[in-house]
Amino acid sequence: MTPLDLLHALHAHPSLTFRRVGEGLRVLPRVPEEARPVLGRFKPAVLQALEDGEQVEAATLLQDPHRLACLLAHALEGEAPVVLTGYYEGPPTRYLVAPGDLTPYSAWASKNSPPPWRLHLAPTTGGWALDWREGWEVALEAVAAGTRYLLFYPEHGARGWLEAARAGLALHGVSVWRPGTAPRPLLLTAA
């Protein structure tokens, strides 16, 4: 299971409400049977993405870019410092977020920052990168040059990234997710 499967499950059940109580996670209403495997697999990431006592709906986790990026960063790797670059009005802002501080920062930013038009996260240890763009229509997951990419782009941006990456990198493990459809592997033809 991949983070795209988690997104699909959250999108299919937007009214699920997650509440963190200490090191426990409560979900209301009851988790639907078809969502149990994926939510069970990503329970630690959902738990880490919430502050103690916080209650958040699945729809909010998907719609708020700060919360979505935090959730997916925890799903990809939650223990390394993360470089978070936010593109708001004016020049980009870049933060080095220590382990354990991504969730409180994301909760604060979702309430106190203007909506970004782009968010980019990557751990200082390498290994993955997450890029979210305002108006995204498709999520891509791909591995290239030893880096796992999770990208949220408008359709034309996703196509452009794939073309550029295929021209210069050996892409593999490419999957695509569009809200309302199940994630699926993307078969790439020779460049």
N, C-alpha and C. Protein backbone atom coordinates (compact mmCIF):
# COMPACT_ATOMS: atom_id res chain seq x y z
N MET A 1 0.84 -1.18 0.00
CA MET A 1 0.00 0.00 0.00
C MET A 1 0.88 1.24 0.00
N THR A 2 0.42 2.23 -0.71
CA THR A 2 1.19 3.47 -0.84
C THR A 2 0.38 4.64 -0.30
N PRO A 3 1.02 5.80 -0.14
CA PRO A 3 0.27 6.98 0.28
C PRO A 3 -0.91 7.31 -0.65
N LEU A 4 -0.83 6.93 -1.92
CA LEU A 4 -1.96 7.18 -2.82
C LEU A 4 -3.18 6.37 -2.39
N ASP A 5 -2.96 5.17 -1.86
CA ASP A 5 -4.07 4.37 -1.34
C ASP A 5 -4.70 5.05 -0.13
N LEU A 6 -3.88 5.68 0.69
CA LEU A 6 -4.40 6.43 1.84
C LEU A 6 -5.26 7.59 1.36
N LEU A 7 -4.79 8.32 0.37
CA LEU A 7 -5.58 9.44 -0.17
C LEU A 7 -6.91 8.96 -0.71
N HIS A 8 -6.88 7.85 -1.43
CA HIS A 8 -8.10 7.29 -2.00
C HIS A 8 -9.10 6.93 -0.90
N ALA A 9 -8.62 6.30 0.18
CA ALA A 9 -9.51 5.92 1.28
C ALA A 9 -10.10 7.15 1.97
N LEU A 10 -9.28 8.17 2.19
CA LEU A 10 -9.78 9.40 2.82
C LEU A 10 -10.80 10.09 1.92
N HIS A 11 -10.53 10.11 0.62
CA HIS A 11 -11.46 10.74 -0.33
C HIS A 11 -12.79 9.99 -0.39
N ALA A 12 -12.71 8.67 -0.31
CA ALA A 12 -13.93 7.85 -0.37
C ALA A 12 -14.77 7.99 0.90
N HIS A 13 -14.15 8.42 2.00
CA HIS A 13 -14.85 8.53 3.29
C HIS A 13 -14.52 9.88 3.93
N PRO A 14 -14.94 10.99 3.30
CA PRO A 14 -14.54 12.33 3.77
C PRO A 14 -15.09 12.71 5.13
N SER A 15 -16.16 12.05 5.59
CA SER A 15 -16.74 12.42 6.88
C SER A 15 -16.12 11.68 8.06
N LEU A 16 -15.20 10.75 7.79
CA LEU A 16 -14.50 10.11 8.90
C LEU A 16 -13.80 11.18 9.72
N THR A 17 -13.94 11.11 11.02
CA THR A 17 -13.30 12.08 11.91
C THR A 17 -12.27 11.35 12.75
N PHE A 18 -11.04 11.88 12.73
CA PHE A 18 -9.93 11.29 13.47
C PHE A 18 -9.66 12.15 14.69
N ARG A 19 -9.56 11.52 15.84
CA ARG A 19 -9.27 12.23 17.09
C ARG A 19 -8.11 11.54 17.78
N ARG A 20 -7.09 12.33 18.08
CA ARG A 20 -5.93 11.79 18.80
C ARG A 20 -6.15 11.98 20.29
N VAL A 21 -5.99 10.89 21.03
CA VAL A 21 -6.09 10.90 22.49
C VAL A 21 -4.82 10.23 23.00
N GLY A 22 -3.85 11.04 23.41
CA GLY A 22 -2.56 10.50 23.82
C GLY A 22 -1.91 9.79 22.66
N GLU A 23 -1.59 8.52 22.85
CA GLU A 23 -1.01 7.73 21.76
C GLU A 23 -2.06 6.86 21.07
N GLY A 24 -3.33 7.17 21.30
CA GLY A 24 -4.41 6.43 20.67
C GLY A 24 -5.12 7.27 19.62
N LEU A 25 -5.77 6.60 18.70
CA LEU A 25 -6.50 7.26 17.63
C LEU A 25 -7.92 6.72 17.60
N ARG A 26 -8.87 7.63 17.72
CA ARG A 26 -10.28 7.25 17.61
C ARG A 26 -10.80 7.73 16.27
N VAL A 27 -11.63 6.91 15.65
CA VAL A 27 -12.20 7.23 14.35
C VAL A 27 -13.71 7.11 14.46
N LEU A 28 -14.40 8.18 14.07
CA LEU A 28 -15.86 8.20 14.07
C LEU A 28 -16.36 8.62 12.70
N PRO A 29 -17.42 8.11 12.19
CA PRO A 29 -18.06 6.90 12.68
C PRO A 29 -17.13 5.71 12.45
N ARG A 30 -17.62 4.56 12.69
CA ARG A 30 -16.83 3.33 12.56
C ARG A 30 -16.19 3.26 11.17
N VAL A 31 -14.94 2.81 11.14
CA VAL A 31 -14.21 2.70 9.87
C VAL A 31 -14.88 1.67 8.98
N PRO A 32 -15.25 2.05 7.76
CA PRO A 32 -15.86 1.08 6.84
C PRO A 32 -14.89 -0.07 6.55
N GLU A 33 -15.45 -1.25 6.37
CA GLU A 33 -14.66 -2.47 6.18
C GLU A 33 -13.63 -2.32 5.06
N GLU A 34 -14.02 -1.72 3.93
CA GLU A 34 -13.11 -1.62 2.79
C GLU A 34 -11.94 -0.67 3.06
N ALA A 35 -12.08 0.23 4.03
CA ALA A 35 -11.01 1.18 4.34
C ALA A 35 -10.09 0.69 5.46
N ARG A 36 -10.47 -0.39 6.14
CA ARG A 36 -9.69 -0.86 7.29
C ARG A 36 -8.24 -1.21 6.95
N PRO A 37 -7.98 -1.97 5.89
CA PRO A 37 -6.57 -2.33 5.64
C PRO A 37 -5.67 -1.09 5.44
N VAL A 38 -6.10 -0.15 4.64
CA VAL A 38 -5.25 1.01 4.36
C VAL A 38 -5.15 1.94 5.57
N LEU A 39 -6.26 2.17 6.26
CA LEU A 39 -6.19 3.03 7.44
C LEU A 39 -5.41 2.36 8.57
N GLY A 40 -5.48 1.03 8.65
CA GLY A 40 -4.66 0.32 9.63
C GLY A 40 -3.18 0.45 9.30
N ARG A 41 -2.84 0.32 8.04
CA ARG A 41 -1.44 0.44 7.60
C ARG A 41 -0.88 1.83 7.89
N PHE A 42 -1.71 2.88 7.70
CA PHE A 42 -1.24 4.25 7.85
C PHE A 42 -1.69 4.90 9.17
N LYS A 43 -2.17 4.09 10.10
CA LYS A 43 -2.59 4.63 11.39
C LYS A 43 -1.47 5.42 12.09
N PRO A 44 -0.22 4.93 12.11
CA PRO A 44 0.83 5.74 12.74
C PRO A 44 1.01 7.11 12.11
N ALA A 45 0.87 7.20 10.79
CA ALA A 45 1.01 8.49 10.11
C ALA A 45 -0.14 9.43 10.47
N VAL A 46 -1.36 8.90 10.50
CA VAL A 46 -2.52 9.72 10.88
C VAL A 46 -2.35 10.19 12.32
N LEU A 47 -1.93 9.30 13.19
CA LEU A 47 -1.72 9.65 14.60
C LEU A 47 -0.67 10.74 14.73
N GLN A 48 0.45 10.61 14.04
CA GLN A 48 1.52 11.61 14.11
C GLN A 48 1.10 12.95 13.51
N ALA A 49 0.16 12.94 12.57
CA ALA A 49 -0.26 14.17 11.89
C ALA A 49 -1.25 14.99 12.72
N LEU A 50 -1.66 14.47 13.88
CA LEU A 50 -2.60 15.19 14.74
C LEU A 50 -1.94 15.54 16.07
N GLU A 51 -2.31 16.69 16.61
CA GLU A 51 -1.85 17.05 17.94
C GLU A 51 -2.74 16.37 18.96
N ASP A 52 -2.23 16.18 20.18
CA ASP A 52 -3.00 15.52 21.23
C ASP A 52 -4.30 16.27 21.47
N GLY A 53 -5.41 15.53 21.46
CA GLY A 53 -6.73 16.11 21.68
C GLY A 53 -7.37 16.70 20.44
N GLU A 54 -6.63 16.75 19.34
CA GLU A 54 -7.13 17.35 18.11
C GLU A 54 -8.08 16.39 17.38
N GLN A 55 -9.08 16.97 16.75
CA GLN A 55 -10.06 16.22 15.98
C GLN A 55 -10.14 16.83 14.58
N VAL A 56 -9.93 16.01 13.56
CA VAL A 56 -9.89 16.49 12.18
C VAL A 56 -10.64 15.51 11.28
N GLU A 57 -11.45 16.05 10.37
CA GLU A 57 -12.15 15.22 9.39
C GLU A 57 -11.21 14.85 8.24
N ALA A 58 -11.49 13.72 7.63
CA ALA A 58 -10.71 13.27 6.47
C ALA A 58 -10.72 14.33 5.37
N ALA A 59 -11.86 14.97 5.15
CA ALA A 59 -11.96 16.00 4.10
C ALA A 59 -10.97 17.14 4.37
N THR A 60 -10.80 17.52 5.64
CA THR A 60 -9.86 18.60 5.98
C THR A 60 -8.43 18.17 5.70
N LEU A 61 -8.09 16.92 6.02
CA LEU A 61 -6.75 16.43 5.74
C LEU A 61 -6.44 16.47 4.25
N LEU A 62 -7.44 16.27 3.42
CA LEU A 62 -7.23 16.30 1.97
C LEU A 62 -7.22 17.71 1.41
N GLN A 63 -8.03 18.60 1.97
CA GLN A 63 -8.22 19.93 1.38
C GLN A 63 -7.22 20.96 1.86
N ASP A 64 -6.71 20.82 3.07
CA ASP A 64 -5.78 21.80 3.62
C ASP A 64 -4.35 21.38 3.24
N PRO A 65 -3.66 22.18 2.43
CA PRO A 65 -2.34 21.75 1.95
C PRO A 65 -1.32 21.51 3.07
N HIS A 66 -1.37 22.32 4.13
CA HIS A 66 -0.43 22.10 5.24
C HIS A 66 -0.70 20.77 5.93
N ARG A 67 -1.97 20.47 6.17
CA ARG A 67 -2.32 19.22 6.86
C ARG A 67 -2.04 18.02 5.97
N LEU A 68 -2.34 18.14 4.68
CA LEU A 68 -2.08 17.05 3.73
C LEU A 68 -0.58 16.76 3.65
N ALA A 69 0.21 17.81 3.52
CA ALA A 69 1.66 17.62 3.43
C ALA A 69 2.22 16.98 4.70
N CYS A 70 1.71 17.40 5.85
CA CYS A 70 2.14 16.82 7.12
C CYS A 70 1.80 15.34 7.18
N LEU A 71 0.57 15.00 6.85
CA LEU A 71 0.14 13.60 6.87
C LEU A 71 1.03 12.75 5.97
N LEU A 72 1.26 13.23 4.76
CA LEU A 72 2.04 12.44 3.81
C LEU A 72 3.51 12.38 4.18
N ALA A 73 4.04 13.44 4.77
CA ALA A 73 5.43 13.39 5.25
C ALA A 73 5.58 12.31 6.30
N HIS A 74 4.60 12.20 7.19
CA HIS A 74 4.64 11.14 8.20
C HIS A 74 4.45 9.76 7.57
N ALA A 75 3.66 9.69 6.51
CA ALA A 75 3.46 8.41 5.82
C ALA A 75 4.73 7.99 5.09
N LEU A 76 5.51 8.95 4.61
CA LEU A 76 6.73 8.63 3.87
C LEU A 76 7.91 8.38 4.81
N GLU A 77 8.07 9.23 5.81
CA GLU A 77 9.15 9.10 6.79
C GLU A 77 8.98 10.25 7.76
N GLY A 78 8.78 9.95 9.02
CA GLY A 78 8.50 11.02 9.96
C GLY A 78 9.59 11.33 10.94
N GLU A 79 10.77 10.81 10.79
CA GLU A 79 11.79 10.95 11.83
C GLU A 79 12.94 11.87 11.50
N ALA A 80 13.05 12.38 10.30
CA ALA A 80 14.17 13.24 9.93
C ALA A 80 13.72 14.70 9.90
N PRO A 81 14.66 15.64 10.10
CA PRO A 81 14.30 17.05 9.87
C PRO A 81 13.82 17.22 8.44
N VAL A 82 12.86 18.11 8.25
CA VAL A 82 12.26 18.33 6.94
C VAL A 82 12.48 19.78 6.53
N VAL A 83 12.85 19.98 5.28
CA VAL A 83 12.91 21.33 4.72
C VAL A 83 11.56 21.58 4.07
N LEU A 84 10.85 22.57 4.57
CA LEU A 84 9.53 22.93 4.06
C LEU A 84 9.65 24.28 3.39
N THR A 85 9.30 24.34 2.13
CA THR A 85 9.31 25.60 1.39
C THR A 85 7.88 25.95 1.04
N GLY A 86 7.44 27.11 1.51
CA GLY A 86 6.08 27.57 1.24
C GLY A 86 6.11 28.74 0.27
N TYR A 87 5.25 28.68 -0.72
CA TYR A 87 5.13 29.75 -1.71
C TYR A 87 3.79 30.43 -1.46
N TYR A 88 3.88 31.61 -0.88
CA TYR A 88 2.69 32.41 -0.56
C TYR A 88 2.77 33.65 -1.44
N GLU A 89 2.42 34.78 -0.90
CA GLU A 89 2.65 36.04 -1.62
C GLU A 89 4.10 36.44 -1.38
N GLY A 90 4.76 36.96 -2.39
CA GLY A 90 6.15 37.36 -2.22
C GLY A 90 7.10 36.20 -2.39
N PRO A 91 8.33 36.39 -1.90
CA PRO A 91 9.33 35.33 -2.08
C PRO A 91 8.98 34.10 -1.26
N PRO A 92 9.49 32.93 -1.67
CA PRO A 92 9.21 31.71 -0.91
C PRO A 92 9.81 31.79 0.49
N THR A 93 9.18 31.09 1.41
CA THR A 93 9.70 30.99 2.77
C THR A 93 10.17 29.56 2.98
N ARG A 94 11.33 29.42 3.58
CA ARG A 94 11.90 28.10 3.78
C ARG A 94 12.16 27.90 5.27
N TYR A 95 11.73 26.73 5.76
CA TYR A 95 11.90 26.39 7.17
C TYR A 95 12.59 25.05 7.27
N LEU A 96 13.45 24.92 8.26
CA LEU A 96 13.99 23.63 8.62
C LEU A 96 13.20 23.19 9.84
N VAL A 97 12.38 22.16 9.67
CA VAL A 97 11.47 21.71 10.71
C VAL A 97 12.06 20.48 11.39
N ALA A 98 12.29 20.59 12.68
CA ALA A 98 12.88 19.50 13.46
C ALA A 98 11.89 18.35 13.60
N PRO A 99 12.40 17.13 13.79
CA PRO A 99 11.48 16.01 14.04
C PRO A 99 10.57 16.34 15.22
N GLY A 100 9.32 16.02 15.08
CA GLY A 100 8.36 16.31 16.14
C GLY A 100 7.70 17.67 16.03
N ASP A 101 8.26 18.56 15.21
CA ASP A 101 7.68 19.90 15.08
C ASP A 101 6.82 20.08 13.83
N LEU A 102 6.81 19.11 12.94
CA LEU A 102 6.05 19.27 11.70
C LEU A 102 4.55 19.35 11.97
N THR A 103 4.04 18.52 12.86
CA THR A 103 2.61 18.53 13.15
C THR A 103 2.17 19.84 13.79
N PRO A 104 2.83 20.32 14.87
CA PRO A 104 2.39 21.59 15.43
C PRO A 104 2.55 22.75 14.44
N TYR A 105 3.63 22.74 13.64
CA TYR A 105 3.79 23.80 12.66
C TYR A 105 2.66 23.76 11.63
N SER A 106 2.34 22.57 11.13
CA SER A 106 1.29 22.45 10.11
C SER A 106 -0.07 22.87 10.66
N ALA A 107 -0.37 22.49 11.90
CA ALA A 107 -1.64 22.90 12.51
C ALA A 107 -1.68 24.42 12.65
N TRP A 108 -0.57 25.02 13.07
CA TRP A 108 -0.50 26.48 13.21
C TRP A 108 -0.64 27.14 11.85
N ALA A 109 0.13 26.67 10.86
CA ALA A 109 0.14 27.28 9.53
C ALA A 109 -1.23 27.19 8.85
N SER A 110 -1.93 26.09 9.07
CA SER A 110 -3.25 25.95 8.43
C SER A 110 -4.24 26.98 8.95
N LYS A 111 -4.01 27.47 10.18
CA LYS A 111 -4.91 28.47 10.77
C LYS A 111 -4.41 29.90 10.59
N ASN A 112 -3.10 30.09 10.47
CA ASN A 112 -2.54 31.43 10.55
C ASN A 112 -1.81 31.92 9.30
N SER A 113 -1.58 31.08 8.34
CA SER A 113 -0.88 31.49 7.11
C SER A 113 -1.88 31.66 5.98
N PRO A 114 -1.55 32.54 5.04
CA PRO A 114 -2.42 32.60 3.85
C PRO A 114 -2.30 31.29 3.08
N PRO A 115 -3.29 30.97 2.28
CA PRO A 115 -3.19 29.72 1.51
C PRO A 115 -1.99 29.77 0.56
N PRO A 116 -1.19 28.73 0.56
CA PRO A 116 -0.04 28.72 -0.36
C PRO A 116 -0.50 28.38 -1.77
N TRP A 117 0.31 28.76 -2.74
CA TRP A 117 0.03 28.27 -4.09
C TRP A 117 0.94 27.07 -4.39
N ARG A 118 1.93 26.87 -3.51
CA ARG A 118 2.79 25.70 -3.64
C ARG A 118 3.43 25.39 -2.28
N LEU A 119 3.57 24.10 -1.97
CA LEU A 119 4.33 23.63 -0.81
C LEU A 119 5.27 22.54 -1.29
N HIS A 120 6.49 22.59 -0.80
CA HIS A 120 7.48 21.56 -1.14
C HIS A 120 8.13 21.10 0.15
N LEU A 121 8.20 19.79 0.35
CA LEU A 121 8.83 19.21 1.53
C LEU A 121 9.80 18.14 1.10
N ALA A 122 10.91 18.07 1.82
CA ALA A 122 11.88 17.00 1.59
C ALA A 122 12.70 16.85 2.87
N PRO A 123 12.99 15.62 3.27
CA PRO A 123 13.81 15.42 4.47
C PRO A 123 15.27 15.77 4.17
N THR A 124 15.99 16.18 5.19
CA THR A 124 17.42 16.48 5.02
C THR A 124 18.22 15.24 4.69
N THR A 125 17.68 14.07 5.00
CA THR A 125 18.36 12.81 4.71
C THR A 125 18.15 12.33 3.28
N GLY A 126 17.30 13.04 2.52
CA GLY A 126 16.98 12.61 1.16
C GLY A 126 15.99 11.46 1.19
N GLY A 127 15.77 10.86 0.05
CA GLY A 127 14.91 9.69 -0.02
C GLY A 127 13.53 9.96 -0.57
N TRP A 128 12.98 11.16 -0.32
CA TRP A 128 11.66 11.47 -0.86
C TRP A 128 11.50 12.98 -1.00
N ALA A 129 10.53 13.36 -1.81
CA ALA A 129 10.17 14.76 -1.97
C ALA A 129 8.68 14.83 -2.25
N LEU A 130 8.03 15.81 -1.65
CA LEU A 130 6.60 16.02 -1.84
C LEU A 130 6.42 17.42 -2.40
N ASP A 131 5.66 17.55 -3.47
CA ASP A 131 5.41 18.85 -4.09
C ASP A 131 3.92 18.99 -4.34
N TRP A 132 3.30 20.01 -3.72
CA TRP A 132 1.87 20.27 -3.84
C TRP A 132 1.67 21.60 -4.54
N ARG A 133 0.80 21.63 -5.54
CA ARG A 133 0.49 22.86 -6.28
C ARG A 133 -1.00 23.16 -6.17
N GLU A 134 -1.31 24.41 -5.97
CA GLU A 134 -2.70 24.85 -5.93
C GLU A 134 -3.39 24.45 -7.24
N GLY A 135 -4.64 24.01 -7.12
CA GLY A 135 -5.39 23.60 -8.31
C GLY A 135 -5.01 22.22 -8.82
N TRP A 136 -4.38 21.41 -7.98
CA TRP A 136 -3.95 20.09 -8.41
C TRP A 136 -5.16 19.25 -8.82
N GLU A 137 -4.93 18.40 -9.82
CA GLU A 137 -5.96 17.50 -10.32
C GLU A 137 -5.55 16.04 -10.24
N VAL A 138 -4.25 15.81 -10.16
CA VAL A 138 -3.73 14.45 -10.18
C VAL A 138 -2.57 14.35 -9.20
N ALA A 139 -2.48 13.20 -8.54
CA ALA A 139 -1.34 12.91 -7.67
C ALA A 139 -0.51 11.81 -8.33
N LEU A 140 0.79 12.04 -8.40
CA LEU A 140 1.72 11.07 -8.97
C LEU A 140 2.64 10.57 -7.88
N GLU A 141 2.96 9.31 -7.93
CA GLU A 141 4.00 8.75 -7.08
C GLU A 141 4.97 8.04 -8.00
N ALA A 142 6.25 8.36 -7.87
CA ALA A 142 7.25 7.78 -8.75
C ALA A 142 8.58 7.70 -8.02
N VAL A 143 9.41 6.78 -8.47
CA VAL A 143 10.77 6.68 -7.96
C VAL A 143 11.70 6.96 -9.13
N ALA A 144 12.64 7.88 -8.89
CA ALA A 144 13.62 8.24 -9.90
C ALA A 144 14.93 8.57 -9.20
N ALA A 145 16.01 7.99 -9.68
CA ALA A 145 17.35 8.25 -9.12
C ALA A 145 17.39 8.07 -7.61
N GLY A 146 16.69 7.06 -7.11
CA GLY A 146 16.71 6.76 -5.69
C GLY A 146 15.84 7.65 -4.83
N THR A 147 15.08 8.54 -5.43
CA THR A 147 14.20 9.44 -4.68
C THR A 147 12.76 9.11 -5.00
N ARG A 148 11.96 9.01 -3.96
CA ARG A 148 10.52 8.77 -4.12
C ARG A 148 9.83 10.12 -4.18
N TYR A 149 9.09 10.36 -5.25
CA TYR A 149 8.38 11.63 -5.46
C TYR A 149 6.89 11.43 -5.25
N LEU A 150 6.28 12.36 -4.55
CA LEU A 150 4.83 12.40 -4.40
C LEU A 150 4.42 13.81 -4.83
N LEU A 151 3.74 13.90 -5.95
CA LEU A 151 3.47 15.19 -6.61
C LEU A 151 1.98 15.41 -6.78
N PHE A 152 1.54 16.62 -6.47
CA PHE A 152 0.14 17.02 -6.63
C PHE A 152 0.12 18.18 -7.61
N TYR A 153 -0.23 17.88 -8.85
CA TYR A 153 -0.12 18.87 -9.92
C TYR A 153 -1.42 18.96 -10.72
N PRO A 154 -1.63 20.10 -11.38
CA PRO A 154 -2.65 20.14 -12.43
C PRO A 154 -2.27 19.13 -13.52
N GLU A 155 -3.23 18.69 -14.28
CA GLU A 155 -2.99 17.65 -15.29
C GLU A 155 -1.81 17.98 -16.20
N HIS A 156 -1.76 19.20 -16.74
CA HIS A 156 -0.67 19.55 -17.66
C HIS A 156 0.69 19.57 -16.95
N GLY A 157 0.73 19.95 -15.69
CA GLY A 157 1.97 19.95 -14.93
C GLY A 157 2.48 18.54 -14.68
N ALA A 158 1.57 17.63 -14.41
CA ALA A 158 1.94 16.23 -14.19
C ALA A 158 2.53 15.63 -15.47
N ARG A 159 1.87 15.92 -16.59
CA ARG A 159 2.38 15.42 -17.86
C ARG A 159 3.76 15.99 -18.15
N GLY A 160 3.93 17.28 -17.90
CA GLY A 160 5.22 17.93 -18.12
C GLY A 160 6.31 17.34 -17.25
N TRP A 161 6.01 17.07 -15.98
CA TRP A 161 7.00 16.49 -15.07
C TRP A 161 7.39 15.10 -15.57
N LEU A 162 6.40 14.30 -15.95
CA LEU A 162 6.69 12.94 -16.43
C LEU A 162 7.58 12.98 -17.67
N GLU A 163 7.28 13.88 -18.61
CA GLU A 163 8.08 13.97 -19.83
C GLU A 163 9.52 14.38 -19.51
N ALA A 164 9.67 15.38 -18.65
CA ALA A 164 11.02 15.84 -18.29
C ALA A 164 11.77 14.76 -17.52
N ALA A 165 11.11 14.11 -16.58
CA ALA A 165 11.76 13.08 -15.79
C ALA A 165 12.15 11.89 -16.67
N ARG A 166 11.28 11.51 -17.57
CA ARG A 166 11.59 10.38 -18.46
C ARG A 166 12.79 10.69 -19.34
N ALA A 167 12.94 11.96 -19.73
CA ALA A 167 14.05 12.33 -20.60
C ALA A 167 15.39 12.26 -19.87
N GLY A 168 15.40 12.48 -18.56
CA GLY A 168 16.67 12.54 -17.86
C GLY A 168 16.87 11.54 -16.74
N LEU A 169 15.82 10.83 -16.35
CA LEU A 169 15.92 9.92 -15.22
C LEU A 169 15.30 8.57 -15.56
N ALA A 170 15.74 7.56 -14.87
CA ALA A 170 15.12 6.24 -15.02
C ALA A 170 13.95 6.17 -14.05
N LEU A 171 12.76 6.37 -14.55
CA LEU A 171 11.54 6.33 -13.73
C LEU A 171 11.06 4.91 -13.55
N HIS A 172 10.60 4.59 -12.35
CA HIS A 172 9.94 3.31 -12.14
C HIS A 172 8.96 3.45 -10.99
N GLY A 173 8.06 2.49 -10.90
CA GLY A 173 7.06 2.52 -9.83
C GLY A 173 6.13 3.71 -9.92
N VAL A 174 5.79 4.13 -11.12
CA VAL A 174 4.94 5.30 -11.29
C VAL A 174 3.47 4.90 -11.13
N SER A 175 2.78 5.62 -10.24
CA SER A 175 1.34 5.42 -10.04
C SER A 175 0.67 6.78 -10.10
N VAL A 176 -0.61 6.75 -10.46
CA VAL A 176 -1.38 7.98 -10.57
C VAL A 176 -2.69 7.83 -9.80
N TRP A 177 -3.13 8.91 -9.19
CA TRP A 177 -4.41 8.94 -8.50
C TRP A 177 -5.13 10.23 -8.84
N ARG A 178 -6.38 10.08 -9.21
CA ARG A 178 -7.27 11.22 -9.41
C ARG A 178 -8.42 11.05 -8.42
N PRO A 179 -8.82 12.14 -7.73
CA PRO A 179 -9.94 12.00 -6.79
C PRO A 179 -11.13 11.33 -7.46
N GLY A 180 -11.68 10.33 -6.78
CA GLY A 180 -12.82 9.60 -7.31
C GLY A 180 -12.46 8.31 -8.02
N THR A 181 -11.16 8.09 -8.24
CA THR A 181 -10.73 6.84 -8.88
C THR A 181 -9.68 6.17 -8.00
N ALA A 182 -9.54 4.88 -8.15
CA ALA A 182 -8.52 4.15 -7.39
C ALA A 182 -7.14 4.44 -7.98
N PRO A 183 -6.09 4.44 -7.14
CA PRO A 183 -4.74 4.59 -7.68
C PRO A 183 -4.44 3.46 -8.67
N ARG A 184 -3.67 3.78 -9.69
CA ARG A 184 -3.32 2.76 -10.66
C ARG A 184 -1.90 2.99 -11.17
N PRO A 185 -1.24 1.90 -11.53
CA PRO A 185 0.11 2.06 -12.11
C PRO A 185 0.01 2.75 -13.45
N LEU A 186 1.01 3.51 -13.76
CA LEU A 186 1.08 4.21 -15.04
C LEU A 186 2.14 3.54 -15.89
N LEU A 187 1.73 3.01 -17.02
CA LEU A 187 2.67 2.35 -17.91
C LEU A 187 3.32 3.40 -18.79
N LEU A 188 4.64 3.47 -18.73
CA LEU A 188 5.37 4.47 -19.51
C LEU A 188 5.88 3.82 -20.78
N THR A 189 5.70 4.53 -21.88
CA THR A 189 6.24 4.06 -23.15
C THR A 189 7.64 4.60 -23.29
N ALA A 190 8.41 4.02 -24.16
CA ALA A 190 9.79 4.48 -24.37
C ALA A 190 9.80 5.93 -24.82
N ALA A 191 10.78 6.69 -24.35
CA ALA A 191 10.87 8.12 -24.68
C ALA A 191 11.29 8.32 -26.10
